[in-house]
Structure formats: C-alpha cells, structure tokens
N, C-alpha and C. Protein backbone atom coordinates (compact mmCIF):
# COMPACT_ATOMS: atom_id res chain seq x y z
N UNK A 1 -23.57 56.89 48.33
CA UNK A 1 -22.28 56.30 48.62
C UNK A 1 -22.17 56.05 50.12
N UNK A 2 -21.79 54.85 50.50
CA UNK A 2 -21.62 54.50 51.92
C UNK A 2 -20.23 54.93 52.39
N UNK A 3 -20.16 55.32 53.65
CA UNK A 3 -18.90 55.70 54.28
C UNK A 3 -18.36 54.54 55.09
N UNK A 4 -17.08 54.27 54.93
CA UNK A 4 -16.40 53.20 55.67
C UNK A 4 -15.23 53.81 56.43
N UNK A 5 -15.11 53.44 57.69
CA UNK A 5 -13.97 53.85 58.51
C UNK A 5 -13.12 52.62 58.76
N UNK A 6 -11.83 52.71 58.46
CA UNK A 6 -10.91 51.59 58.65
C UNK A 6 -9.88 51.96 59.71
N UNK A 7 -9.85 51.14 60.75
CA UNK A 7 -8.86 51.29 61.82
C UNK A 7 -7.99 50.04 61.78
N UNK A 8 -6.68 50.21 61.91
CA UNK A 8 -5.82 49.04 61.78
C UNK A 8 -4.61 49.10 62.70
N UNK A 9 -4.17 47.92 63.05
CA UNK A 9 -2.94 47.72 63.81
C UNK A 9 -2.17 46.64 63.07
N UNK A 10 -1.20 47.08 62.31
CA UNK A 10 -0.48 46.17 61.42
C UNK A 10 0.98 46.62 61.33
N UNK A 11 1.86 45.66 61.15
CA UNK A 11 3.27 46.00 61.00
C UNK A 11 3.49 46.82 59.73
N UNK A 12 4.44 47.73 59.78
CA UNK A 12 4.71 48.60 58.64
C UNK A 12 4.99 47.81 57.36
N UNK A 13 5.66 46.67 57.50
CA UNK A 13 6.02 45.91 56.30
C UNK A 13 4.80 45.32 55.59
N UNK A 14 3.64 45.32 56.25
CA UNK A 14 2.40 44.79 55.66
C UNK A 14 1.37 45.87 55.33
N UNK A 15 1.77 47.12 55.39
CA UNK A 15 0.83 48.21 55.13
C UNK A 15 0.27 48.18 53.70
N UNK A 16 0.96 47.54 52.79
CA UNK A 16 0.44 47.44 51.42
C UNK A 16 -0.91 46.72 51.39
N UNK A 17 -1.15 45.83 52.36
CA UNK A 17 -2.44 45.14 52.43
C UNK A 17 -3.58 46.12 52.73
N UNK A 18 -3.31 47.09 53.58
CA UNK A 18 -4.31 48.12 53.88
C UNK A 18 -4.57 48.96 52.63
N UNK A 19 -3.51 49.29 51.91
CA UNK A 19 -3.65 50.04 50.67
C UNK A 19 -4.53 49.30 49.68
N UNK A 20 -4.33 47.99 49.55
CA UNK A 20 -5.14 47.19 48.64
C UNK A 20 -6.61 47.18 49.07
N UNK A 21 -6.86 47.05 50.37
CA UNK A 21 -8.23 47.07 50.88
C UNK A 21 -8.90 48.41 50.57
N UNK A 22 -8.22 49.49 50.85
CA UNK A 22 -8.78 50.82 50.61
C UNK A 22 -9.07 51.03 49.13
N UNK A 23 -8.16 50.59 48.30
CA UNK A 23 -8.33 50.69 46.85
C UNK A 23 -9.58 49.91 46.40
N UNK A 24 -9.74 48.71 46.92
CA UNK A 24 -10.89 47.88 46.58
C UNK A 24 -12.19 48.54 47.03
N UNK A 25 -12.22 49.07 48.23
CA UNK A 25 -13.42 49.73 48.73
C UNK A 25 -13.78 50.93 47.86
N UNK A 26 -12.79 51.73 47.51
CA UNK A 26 -13.04 52.92 46.68
C UNK A 26 -13.55 52.54 45.30
N UNK A 27 -12.99 51.49 44.72
CA UNK A 27 -13.44 51.03 43.40
C UNK A 27 -14.89 50.56 43.44
N UNK A 28 -15.35 50.17 44.62
CA UNK A 28 -16.73 49.70 44.78
C UNK A 28 -17.63 50.79 45.37
N UNK A 29 -17.25 52.04 45.14
CA UNK A 29 -18.05 53.22 45.48
C UNK A 29 -18.27 53.46 46.96
N UNK A 30 -17.27 53.13 47.77
CA UNK A 30 -17.31 53.48 49.19
C UNK A 30 -16.42 54.70 49.40
N UNK A 31 -16.88 55.60 50.24
CA UNK A 31 -16.05 56.70 50.70
C UNK A 31 -15.29 56.18 51.92
N UNK A 32 -13.96 56.27 51.89
CA UNK A 32 -13.14 55.63 52.91
C UNK A 32 -12.41 56.67 53.75
N UNK A 33 -12.45 56.45 55.06
CA UNK A 33 -11.69 57.24 56.02
C UNK A 33 -10.86 56.27 56.84
N UNK A 34 -9.63 56.65 57.14
CA UNK A 34 -8.76 55.77 57.92
C UNK A 34 -8.40 56.42 59.24
N UNK A 35 -8.04 55.57 60.17
CA UNK A 35 -7.62 56.02 61.48
C UNK A 35 -6.32 56.81 61.38
N UNK A 36 -6.25 57.88 62.12
CA UNK A 36 -5.02 58.66 62.23
C UNK A 36 -4.82 58.90 63.72
N UNK A 37 -3.93 58.15 64.32
CA UNK A 37 -3.81 58.15 65.78
C UNK A 37 -3.43 59.50 66.36
N UNK A 38 -2.91 60.39 65.57
CA UNK A 38 -2.52 61.69 66.10
C UNK A 38 -3.67 62.70 66.07
N UNK A 39 -4.83 62.28 65.55
CA UNK A 39 -6.01 63.15 65.56
C UNK A 39 -7.17 62.43 66.24
N UNK A 40 -8.18 63.17 66.57
CA UNK A 40 -9.36 62.59 67.17
C UNK A 40 -10.30 62.09 66.08
N UNK A 41 -10.46 60.79 66.00
CA UNK A 41 -11.28 60.17 64.95
C UNK A 41 -12.73 59.98 65.36
N UNK A 42 -13.08 60.31 66.58
CA UNK A 42 -14.41 60.00 67.10
C UNK A 42 -15.53 60.55 66.23
N UNK A 43 -15.43 61.78 65.77
CA UNK A 43 -16.48 62.37 64.95
C UNK A 43 -16.59 61.66 63.61
N UNK A 44 -15.46 61.34 63.00
CA UNK A 44 -15.49 60.62 61.72
C UNK A 44 -16.10 59.23 61.90
N UNK A 45 -15.79 58.57 63.01
CA UNK A 45 -16.37 57.24 63.28
C UNK A 45 -17.88 57.37 63.47
N UNK A 46 -18.30 58.35 64.24
CA UNK A 46 -19.73 58.53 64.53
C UNK A 46 -20.54 58.81 63.27
N UNK A 47 -19.91 59.37 62.25
CA UNK A 47 -20.61 59.73 61.02
C UNK A 47 -20.37 58.75 59.88
N UNK A 48 -19.90 57.56 60.20
CA UNK A 48 -19.66 56.57 59.16
C UNK A 48 -20.77 55.53 59.16
N UNK A 49 -20.85 54.77 58.08
CA UNK A 49 -21.86 53.72 57.97
C UNK A 49 -21.33 52.36 58.41
N UNK A 50 -20.04 52.12 58.17
CA UNK A 50 -19.44 50.81 58.45
C UNK A 50 -18.07 51.02 59.07
N UNK A 51 -17.78 50.27 60.12
CA UNK A 51 -16.47 50.29 60.77
C UNK A 51 -15.78 48.96 60.51
N UNK A 52 -14.55 49.01 60.03
CA UNK A 52 -13.73 47.81 59.86
C UNK A 52 -12.46 48.00 60.67
N UNK A 53 -12.22 47.10 61.61
CA UNK A 53 -11.00 47.13 62.41
C UNK A 53 -10.15 45.92 62.07
N UNK A 54 -8.86 46.14 61.88
CA UNK A 54 -7.94 45.06 61.53
C UNK A 54 -6.83 45.02 62.58
N UNK A 55 -6.68 43.85 63.21
CA UNK A 55 -5.68 43.69 64.27
C UNK A 55 -4.79 42.50 63.94
N UNK A 56 -3.48 42.74 63.93
CA UNK A 56 -2.53 41.66 63.68
C UNK A 56 -1.57 41.53 64.86
N UNK A 57 -0.89 40.40 64.90
CA UNK A 57 0.16 40.20 65.90
C UNK A 57 1.32 41.15 65.62
N UNK A 58 2.14 41.36 66.62
CA UNK A 58 3.36 42.15 66.48
C UNK A 58 3.11 43.58 66.03
N UNK A 59 2.05 44.16 66.48
CA UNK A 59 1.78 45.56 66.16
C UNK A 59 1.56 46.31 67.46
N UNK A 60 1.77 47.61 67.40
CA UNK A 60 1.78 48.42 68.62
C UNK A 60 0.48 49.13 68.94
N UNK A 61 -0.49 49.11 68.05
CA UNK A 61 -1.67 49.96 68.25
C UNK A 61 -2.97 49.15 68.40
N UNK A 62 -2.87 47.94 68.92
CA UNK A 62 -4.06 47.10 69.11
C UNK A 62 -5.08 47.80 70.00
N UNK A 63 -4.62 48.35 71.11
CA UNK A 63 -5.54 49.02 72.04
C UNK A 63 -6.25 50.19 71.38
N UNK A 64 -5.57 50.87 70.46
CA UNK A 64 -6.19 52.00 69.78
C UNK A 64 -7.33 51.55 68.86
N UNK A 65 -7.13 50.42 68.17
CA UNK A 65 -8.18 49.89 67.30
C UNK A 65 -9.39 49.50 68.15
N UNK A 66 -9.15 48.85 69.28
CA UNK A 66 -10.25 48.46 70.17
C UNK A 66 -10.98 49.70 70.69
N UNK A 67 -10.23 50.74 71.02
CA UNK A 67 -10.85 52.00 71.48
C UNK A 67 -11.75 52.59 70.39
N UNK A 68 -11.27 52.58 69.16
CA UNK A 68 -12.08 53.11 68.07
C UNK A 68 -13.30 52.23 67.81
N UNK A 69 -13.14 50.91 67.98
CA UNK A 69 -14.28 49.99 67.86
C UNK A 69 -15.35 50.36 68.89
N UNK A 70 -14.92 50.66 70.11
CA UNK A 70 -15.87 51.03 71.15
C UNK A 70 -16.61 52.32 70.81
N UNK A 71 -15.92 53.27 70.19
CA UNK A 71 -16.58 54.50 69.74
C UNK A 71 -17.64 54.17 68.69
N UNK A 72 -17.31 53.26 67.77
CA UNK A 72 -18.29 52.84 66.76
C UNK A 72 -19.51 52.22 67.41
N UNK A 73 -19.31 51.34 68.38
CA UNK A 73 -20.43 50.69 69.06
C UNK A 73 -21.29 51.70 69.81
N UNK A 74 -20.65 52.66 70.48
CA UNK A 74 -21.39 53.69 71.22
C UNK A 74 -22.26 54.54 70.30
N UNK A 75 -21.86 54.63 69.03
CA UNK A 75 -22.59 55.43 68.05
C UNK A 75 -23.43 54.58 67.10
N UNK A 76 -23.64 53.31 67.48
CA UNK A 76 -24.46 52.38 66.71
C UNK A 76 -24.03 52.23 65.25
N UNK A 77 -22.72 52.24 65.04
CA UNK A 77 -22.15 52.03 63.71
C UNK A 77 -21.95 50.54 63.51
N UNK A 78 -22.46 50.00 62.41
CA UNK A 78 -22.25 48.59 62.10
C UNK A 78 -20.78 48.35 61.78
N UNK A 79 -20.29 47.20 62.18
CA UNK A 79 -18.91 46.90 61.86
C UNK A 79 -18.44 45.60 62.45
N UNK A 80 -17.18 45.33 62.22
CA UNK A 80 -16.57 44.10 62.70
C UNK A 80 -15.06 44.28 62.77
N UNK A 81 -14.42 43.34 63.46
CA UNK A 81 -12.97 43.29 63.54
C UNK A 81 -12.46 42.08 62.77
N UNK A 82 -11.35 42.25 62.11
CA UNK A 82 -10.63 41.15 61.48
C UNK A 82 -9.37 40.97 62.32
N UNK A 83 -9.25 39.79 62.96
CA UNK A 83 -8.22 39.58 63.98
C UNK A 83 -7.34 38.40 63.61
N UNK A 84 -6.05 38.63 63.61
CA UNK A 84 -5.10 37.56 63.32
C UNK A 84 -5.12 36.53 64.45
N UNK A 85 -5.00 35.27 64.08
CA UNK A 85 -4.95 34.18 65.06
C UNK A 85 -3.81 34.45 66.04
N UNK A 86 -4.11 34.27 67.30
CA UNK A 86 -3.10 34.49 68.34
C UNK A 86 -3.26 35.79 69.09
N UNK A 87 -4.01 36.74 68.53
CA UNK A 87 -4.27 38.01 69.22
C UNK A 87 -5.42 37.77 70.19
N UNK A 88 -5.20 38.11 71.46
CA UNK A 88 -6.22 37.92 72.48
C UNK A 88 -7.25 39.04 72.41
N UNK A 89 -8.51 38.66 72.33
CA UNK A 89 -9.62 39.61 72.40
C UNK A 89 -10.28 39.38 73.75
N UNK A 90 -10.20 40.37 74.63
CA UNK A 90 -10.73 40.22 75.98
C UNK A 90 -12.25 40.13 76.01
N UNK A 91 -12.91 40.86 75.13
CA UNK A 91 -14.37 40.87 75.08
C UNK A 91 -14.83 40.02 73.90
N UNK A 92 -15.17 38.77 74.17
CA UNK A 92 -15.54 37.85 73.10
C UNK A 92 -16.88 38.19 72.47
N UNK A 93 -17.62 39.15 73.03
CA UNK A 93 -18.88 39.56 72.40
C UNK A 93 -18.65 40.48 71.20
N UNK A 94 -17.42 40.93 71.01
CA UNK A 94 -17.09 41.77 69.87
C UNK A 94 -17.14 40.90 68.61
N UNK A 95 -17.96 41.28 67.63
CA UNK A 95 -18.00 40.50 66.38
C UNK A 95 -16.63 40.57 65.69
N UNK A 96 -16.07 39.41 65.43
CA UNK A 96 -14.77 39.41 64.77
C UNK A 96 -14.60 38.17 63.90
N UNK A 97 -13.71 38.31 62.95
CA UNK A 97 -13.35 37.24 62.04
C UNK A 97 -11.88 36.94 62.28
N UNK A 98 -11.54 35.68 62.44
CA UNK A 98 -10.13 35.27 62.65
C UNK A 98 -9.51 34.87 61.32
N UNK A 99 -8.24 35.21 61.18
CA UNK A 99 -7.50 34.72 60.01
C UNK A 99 -6.14 34.22 60.45
C-alpha cells in the first residue's frame, strides 16, 4: 500500500472536495495522511510515497502548503501541487497543475 500525504489550503465551504479526494484515494488502496497545521508534519511527509498539495484562492494557509512541499522535496518525496488559477507561485520550477 502506498502512502499519500495531502496538504491543502482551501476555504472551509469547499472542504467537502478534500473529503471526496481522500475517500477516492482510500478506495484505491492508498494510506492517506493529511496536514494538521497545529502539529509537526515533517516526519509524516518524510515517510510518505506521494505528496499532493492543493492551493486555492481566498485561503489563509498557502504558505504552509508551500512549506510542506519544500519538506517533501528535501526528503525526495514525489509529488505535485494543484493550484487554482490566479494564485501566484513564486518558484515556477515547482511541478504544478493549474485549474
């Protein structure tokens, strides 16, 4: 079973989308861990197989998702960011998908 770490910055009214993603991953035999900003996620990120970061407009934790992405990169964890159109990504070398 592959481990997936999901970090997200999304408005509360759209959190059901994260729930649907996690449900889909679990149904496809992935072990899923999510970001919890009040705890240190670095060890969980370092021990995961895939990192998925989701960043949307009008959310308050964009910098936190980018920080967790950097932890994934430092630990050679494969992953990508899904970024809403209009969100500025300062480092264009970060693999990301726009929606």
